[in-house]
Amino acid sequence: MEEKAAIASLAALAQGMRLRIFRALVGAAPQGMTPGELSATLGVPGSTLSFHLKELMHAGLVSQERDGRNLIYRPSIAQMNDLLAYLTAHCCQGSACEVTSTPGCTTC
């Protein structure tokens, strides 16, 4: 993964609603979810959902597929894994980050 793609992915996930959408899609993988299912699950209006899905697709984190009359959104697990690999390689000097005894704090 290139730095530019990592920045786009991190920026997309840095917004609360987009992170919730992505988490819901990862939980529904590999089947994916329709906009109606996402809207009902997250309690967000369709127009708001559409805006955030577009941003996630632009970052390469979500794909869209037509299934008859429905649109199905799926997470790009490969892109997520590439982002994790990039962060591990470039931010943790290639080793896994270890959790310290402080809750919510990690060290490399």
N, C-alpha and C. Protein backbone atom coordinates (compact mmCIF):
# COMPACT_ATOMS: atom_id res chain seq x y z
N MET A 1 0.85 -1.18 0.00
CA MET A 1 0.00 0.00 0.00
C MET A 1 0.89 1.23 0.00
N GLU A 2 0.52 2.18 -0.80
CA GLU A 2 1.24 3.45 -0.85
C GLU A 2 0.75 4.39 0.25
N GLU A 3 1.58 5.34 0.60
CA GLU A 3 1.24 6.29 1.66
C GLU A 3 -0.07 7.02 1.36
N LYS A 4 -0.26 7.42 0.11
CA LYS A 4 -1.46 8.16 -0.27
C LYS A 4 -2.73 7.34 -0.01
N ALA A 5 -2.69 6.05 -0.33
CA ALA A 5 -3.84 5.17 -0.10
C ALA A 5 -4.08 4.97 1.40
N ALA A 6 -2.99 4.86 2.17
CA ALA A 6 -3.13 4.71 3.62
C ALA A 6 -3.78 5.96 4.22
N ILE A 7 -3.36 7.12 3.77
CA ILE A 7 -3.94 8.37 4.26
C ILE A 7 -5.42 8.45 3.92
N ALA A 8 -5.78 8.08 2.70
CA ALA A 8 -7.20 8.11 2.29
C ALA A 8 -8.03 7.15 3.14
N SER A 9 -7.50 5.96 3.40
CA SER A 9 -8.23 4.99 4.21
C SER A 9 -8.39 5.47 5.64
N LEU A 10 -7.31 5.97 6.22
CA LEU A 10 -7.37 6.45 7.60
C LEU A 10 -8.30 7.66 7.72
N ALA A 11 -8.25 8.55 6.74
CA ALA A 11 -9.13 9.72 6.77
C ALA A 11 -10.59 9.31 6.69
N ALA A 12 -10.89 8.32 5.86
CA ALA A 12 -12.28 7.86 5.73
C ALA A 12 -12.77 7.25 7.04
N LEU A 13 -11.91 6.51 7.72
CA LEU A 13 -12.31 5.86 8.97
C LEU A 13 -12.25 6.78 10.17
N ALA A 14 -11.71 7.98 9.99
CA ALA A 14 -11.57 8.93 11.10
C ALA A 14 -12.88 9.65 11.43
N GLN A 15 -13.95 9.34 10.73
CA GLN A 15 -15.25 9.95 10.98
C GLN A 15 -16.13 8.87 11.61
N GLY A 16 -16.81 9.22 12.68
CA GLY A 16 -17.56 8.26 13.47
C GLY A 16 -18.58 7.44 12.70
N MET A 17 -19.41 8.07 11.90
CA MET A 17 -20.44 7.33 11.17
C MET A 17 -19.82 6.38 10.16
N ARG A 18 -18.77 6.83 9.47
CA ARG A 18 -18.12 5.96 8.50
C ARG A 18 -17.47 4.75 9.19
N LEU A 19 -16.90 4.96 10.35
CA LEU A 19 -16.33 3.84 11.09
C LEU A 19 -17.42 2.85 11.50
N ARG A 20 -18.58 3.36 11.93
CA ARG A 20 -19.70 2.47 12.30
C ARG A 20 -20.21 1.69 11.08
N ILE A 21 -20.30 2.37 9.94
CA ILE A 21 -20.73 1.70 8.71
C ILE A 21 -19.74 0.59 8.35
N PHE A 22 -18.47 0.91 8.39
CA PHE A 22 -17.45 -0.08 8.04
C PHE A 22 -17.49 -1.27 9.00
N ARG A 23 -17.64 -1.01 10.27
CA ARG A 23 -17.73 -2.09 11.26
C ARG A 23 -18.95 -2.97 11.00
N ALA A 24 -20.08 -2.36 10.66
CA ALA A 24 -21.28 -3.14 10.36
C ALA A 24 -21.07 -4.02 9.13
N LEU A 25 -20.41 -3.47 8.12
CA LEU A 25 -20.16 -4.24 6.90
C LEU A 25 -19.17 -5.38 7.15
N VAL A 26 -18.15 -5.13 7.95
CA VAL A 26 -17.20 -6.20 8.29
C VAL A 26 -17.93 -7.31 9.03
N GLY A 27 -18.84 -6.94 9.91
CA GLY A 27 -19.62 -7.93 10.64
C GLY A 27 -20.55 -8.74 9.75
N ALA A 28 -20.93 -8.16 8.61
CA ALA A 28 -21.85 -8.84 7.68
C ALA A 28 -21.12 -9.51 6.52
N ALA A 29 -19.80 -9.46 6.54
CA ALA A 29 -19.02 -10.06 5.45
C ALA A 29 -19.12 -11.58 5.51
N PRO A 30 -19.11 -12.26 4.40
CA PRO A 30 -18.90 -11.73 3.06
C PRO A 30 -20.19 -11.37 2.32
N GLN A 31 -21.36 -11.61 2.95
CA GLN A 31 -22.63 -11.37 2.25
C GLN A 31 -22.85 -9.90 1.93
N GLY A 32 -22.43 -9.01 2.81
CA GLY A 32 -22.66 -7.59 2.61
C GLY A 32 -24.04 -7.18 3.09
N MET A 33 -24.37 -5.92 2.87
CA MET A 33 -25.65 -5.37 3.32
C MET A 33 -26.19 -4.41 2.27
N THR A 34 -27.51 -4.32 2.22
CA THR A 34 -28.16 -3.32 1.37
C THR A 34 -28.19 -2.00 2.13
N PRO A 35 -28.40 -0.89 1.42
CA PRO A 35 -28.53 0.38 2.12
C PRO A 35 -29.67 0.37 3.15
N GLY A 36 -30.77 -0.30 2.83
CA GLY A 36 -31.88 -0.38 3.77
C GLY A 36 -31.50 -1.10 5.05
N GLU A 37 -30.75 -2.19 4.91
CA GLU A 37 -30.29 -2.93 6.09
C GLU A 37 -29.33 -2.09 6.92
N LEU A 38 -28.42 -1.41 6.25
CA LEU A 38 -27.48 -0.54 6.97
C LEU A 38 -28.22 0.58 7.68
N SER A 39 -29.16 1.19 6.99
CA SER A 39 -29.94 2.29 7.56
C SER A 39 -30.69 1.84 8.80
N ALA A 40 -31.32 0.67 8.73
CA ALA A 40 -32.07 0.15 9.87
C ALA A 40 -31.14 -0.23 11.02
N THR A 41 -30.01 -0.83 10.71
CA THR A 41 -29.07 -1.26 11.73
C THR A 41 -28.47 -0.07 12.47
N LEU A 42 -28.12 0.97 11.72
CA LEU A 42 -27.42 2.11 12.30
C LEU A 42 -28.33 3.28 12.67
N GLY A 43 -29.58 3.22 12.23
CA GLY A 43 -30.51 4.30 12.54
C GLY A 43 -30.12 5.62 11.89
N VAL A 44 -29.71 5.55 10.64
CA VAL A 44 -29.26 6.75 9.93
C VAL A 44 -30.10 6.91 8.66
N PRO A 45 -30.46 8.15 8.30
CA PRO A 45 -31.23 8.38 7.07
C PRO A 45 -30.45 7.95 5.83
N GLY A 46 -31.18 7.55 4.80
CA GLY A 46 -30.58 7.08 3.57
C GLY A 46 -29.64 8.08 2.91
N SER A 47 -30.00 9.36 2.92
CA SER A 47 -29.14 10.35 2.28
C SER A 47 -27.80 10.48 3.00
N THR A 48 -27.84 10.44 4.31
CA THR A 48 -26.61 10.50 5.10
C THR A 48 -25.77 9.26 4.84
N LEU A 49 -26.41 8.11 4.82
CA LEU A 49 -25.73 6.85 4.57
C LEU A 49 -25.06 6.87 3.21
N SER A 50 -25.76 7.35 2.20
CA SER A 50 -25.23 7.41 0.85
C SER A 50 -23.96 8.25 0.79
N PHE A 51 -23.97 9.39 1.46
CA PHE A 51 -22.80 10.27 1.49
C PHE A 51 -21.59 9.54 2.07
N HIS A 52 -21.79 8.86 3.19
CA HIS A 52 -20.68 8.18 3.86
C HIS A 52 -20.21 6.95 3.08
N LEU A 53 -21.13 6.22 2.47
CA LEU A 53 -20.74 5.07 1.66
C LEU A 53 -19.88 5.51 0.48
N LYS A 54 -20.22 6.65 -0.11
CA LYS A 54 -19.44 7.17 -1.23
C LYS A 54 -18.01 7.46 -0.79
N GLU A 55 -17.85 8.02 0.38
CA GLU A 55 -16.50 8.32 0.89
C GLU A 55 -15.72 7.04 1.16
N LEU A 56 -16.38 6.03 1.72
CA LEU A 56 -15.71 4.75 1.98
C LEU A 56 -15.33 4.05 0.67
N MET A 57 -16.18 4.16 -0.35
CA MET A 57 -15.86 3.58 -1.65
C MET A 57 -14.69 4.31 -2.29
N HIS A 58 -14.69 5.64 -2.18
CA HIS A 58 -13.60 6.44 -2.74
C HIS A 58 -12.25 6.04 -2.12
N ALA A 59 -12.26 5.69 -0.84
CA ALA A 59 -11.04 5.27 -0.15
C ALA A 59 -10.69 3.81 -0.44
N GLY A 60 -11.56 3.09 -1.14
CA GLY A 60 -11.31 1.70 -1.47
C GLY A 60 -11.64 0.72 -0.36
N LEU A 61 -12.32 1.19 0.68
CA LEU A 61 -12.65 0.34 1.82
C LEU A 61 -13.95 -0.43 1.65
N VAL A 62 -14.79 0.01 0.72
CA VAL A 62 -16.10 -0.60 0.51
C VAL A 62 -16.33 -0.75 -0.99
N SER A 63 -16.95 -1.85 -1.38
CA SER A 63 -17.33 -2.05 -2.78
C SER A 63 -18.85 -2.12 -2.88
N GLN A 64 -19.34 -1.84 -4.06
CA GLN A 64 -20.78 -1.85 -4.33
C GLN A 64 -21.04 -2.82 -5.48
N GLU A 65 -22.08 -3.62 -5.34
CA GLU A 65 -22.45 -4.57 -6.38
C GLU A 65 -23.96 -4.59 -6.52
N ARG A 66 -24.43 -4.64 -7.75
CA ARG A 66 -25.86 -4.72 -7.99
C ARG A 66 -26.28 -6.18 -7.98
N ASP A 67 -27.34 -6.46 -7.24
CA ASP A 67 -27.93 -7.81 -7.18
C ASP A 67 -29.41 -7.65 -7.48
N GLY A 68 -29.76 -7.78 -8.77
CA GLY A 68 -31.14 -7.53 -9.18
C GLY A 68 -31.47 -6.07 -8.98
N ARG A 69 -32.46 -5.80 -8.14
CA ARG A 69 -32.88 -4.42 -7.87
C ARG A 69 -32.15 -3.82 -6.68
N ASN A 70 -31.35 -4.61 -6.00
CA ASN A 70 -30.67 -4.15 -4.79
C ASN A 70 -29.20 -3.83 -5.03
N LEU A 71 -28.71 -2.88 -4.26
CA LEU A 71 -27.28 -2.63 -4.20
C LEU A 71 -26.77 -3.33 -2.95
N ILE A 72 -25.66 -4.03 -3.08
CA ILE A 72 -25.04 -4.70 -1.95
C ILE A 72 -23.69 -4.04 -1.70
N TYR A 73 -23.47 -3.64 -0.47
CA TYR A 73 -22.19 -3.05 -0.07
C TYR A 73 -21.42 -4.07 0.75
N ARG A 74 -20.13 -4.19 0.42
CA ARG A 74 -19.27 -5.13 1.13
C ARG A 74 -17.97 -4.42 1.52
N PRO A 75 -17.38 -4.84 2.63
CA PRO A 75 -16.08 -4.26 2.99
C PRO A 75 -15.00 -4.87 2.11
N SER A 76 -13.98 -4.09 1.83
CA SER A 76 -12.82 -4.61 1.12
C SER A 76 -11.85 -5.13 2.17
N ILE A 77 -11.94 -6.41 2.44
CA ILE A 77 -11.08 -7.02 3.45
C ILE A 77 -9.62 -6.91 3.02
N ALA A 78 -9.35 -7.03 1.73
CA ALA A 78 -7.98 -6.91 1.23
C ALA A 78 -7.42 -5.53 1.52
N GLN A 79 -8.22 -4.48 1.30
CA GLN A 79 -7.77 -3.11 1.57
C GLN A 79 -7.53 -2.92 3.07
N MET A 80 -8.41 -3.47 3.89
CA MET A 80 -8.24 -3.37 5.34
C MET A 80 -6.95 -4.07 5.77
N ASN A 81 -6.70 -5.27 5.22
CA ASN A 81 -5.48 -5.99 5.55
C ASN A 81 -4.24 -5.26 5.06
N ASP A 82 -4.33 -4.64 3.88
CA ASP A 82 -3.21 -3.84 3.37
C ASP A 82 -2.92 -2.66 4.29
N LEU A 83 -3.98 -2.01 4.79
CA LEU A 83 -3.79 -0.89 5.70
C LEU A 83 -3.13 -1.35 7.00
N LEU A 84 -3.60 -2.46 7.54
CA LEU A 84 -2.99 -3.00 8.76
C LEU A 84 -1.53 -3.37 8.53
N ALA A 85 -1.23 -3.97 7.39
CA ALA A 85 0.15 -4.33 7.07
C ALA A 85 1.01 -3.08 6.92
N TYR A 86 0.46 -2.05 6.28
CA TYR A 86 1.19 -0.79 6.12
C TYR A 86 1.51 -0.18 7.48
N LEU A 87 0.52 -0.13 8.35
CA LEU A 87 0.74 0.45 9.68
C LEU A 87 1.75 -0.37 10.48
N THR A 88 1.66 -1.68 10.39
CA THR A 88 2.61 -2.53 11.10
C THR A 88 4.03 -2.33 10.58
N ALA A 89 4.17 -2.29 9.26
CA ALA A 89 5.49 -2.15 8.65
C ALA A 89 6.10 -0.77 8.87
N HIS A 90 5.27 0.27 8.79
CA HIS A 90 5.81 1.63 8.82
C HIS A 90 5.68 2.33 10.16
N CYS A 91 4.85 1.83 11.02
CA CYS A 91 4.64 2.50 12.31
C CYS A 91 5.12 1.66 13.48
N CYS A 92 5.27 0.37 13.28
CA CYS A 92 5.68 -0.54 14.36
C CYS A 92 6.99 -1.23 14.03
N GLN A 93 7.75 -0.70 13.09
CA GLN A 93 9.02 -1.27 12.67
C GLN A 93 8.91 -2.75 12.32
N GLY A 94 7.77 -3.14 11.77
CA GLY A 94 7.59 -4.49 11.29
C GLY A 94 7.17 -5.52 12.32
N SER A 95 7.04 -5.12 13.58
CA SER A 95 6.60 -6.08 14.59
C SER A 95 5.21 -5.73 15.08
N ALA A 96 4.51 -6.72 15.57
CA ALA A 96 3.15 -6.49 16.06
C ALA A 96 3.18 -5.57 17.27
N CYS A 97 2.18 -4.71 17.36
CA CYS A 97 2.07 -3.82 18.52
C CYS A 97 1.58 -4.64 19.71
N GLU A 98 2.20 -4.43 20.85
CA GLU A 98 1.82 -5.17 22.05
C GLU A 98 0.99 -4.28 22.96
N VAL A 99 -0.02 -4.86 23.56
CA VAL A 99 -0.87 -4.12 24.48
C VAL A 99 -0.15 -4.02 25.82
N THR A 100 -0.14 -2.81 26.39
CA THR A 100 0.46 -2.62 27.70
C THR A 100 -0.59 -2.81 28.77
N SER A 101 -0.20 -2.64 30.00
CA SER A 101 -1.15 -2.82 31.10
C SER A 101 -2.12 -1.65 31.22
N THR A 102 -1.85 -0.54 30.53
CA THR A 102 -2.74 0.60 30.56
C THR A 102 -3.87 0.38 29.57
N PRO A 103 -5.13 0.35 30.03
CA PRO A 103 -6.26 0.13 29.11
C PRO A 103 -6.29 1.17 28.00
N GLY A 104 -6.47 0.69 26.78
CA GLY A 104 -6.59 1.60 25.64
C GLY A 104 -5.27 2.13 25.12
N CYS A 105 -4.15 1.67 25.68
CA CYS A 105 -2.84 2.17 25.26
C CYS A 105 -2.06 1.02 24.63
N THR A 106 -1.45 1.26 23.47
CA THR A 106 -0.60 0.25 22.85
C THR A 106 0.78 0.82 22.63
N THR A 107 1.73 -0.06 22.55
CA THR A 107 3.11 0.35 22.28
C THR A 107 3.68 -0.54 21.20
N CYS A 108 4.62 -0.04 20.51
CA CYS A 108 5.23 -0.83 19.43
C CYS A 108 6.61 -1.30 19.83
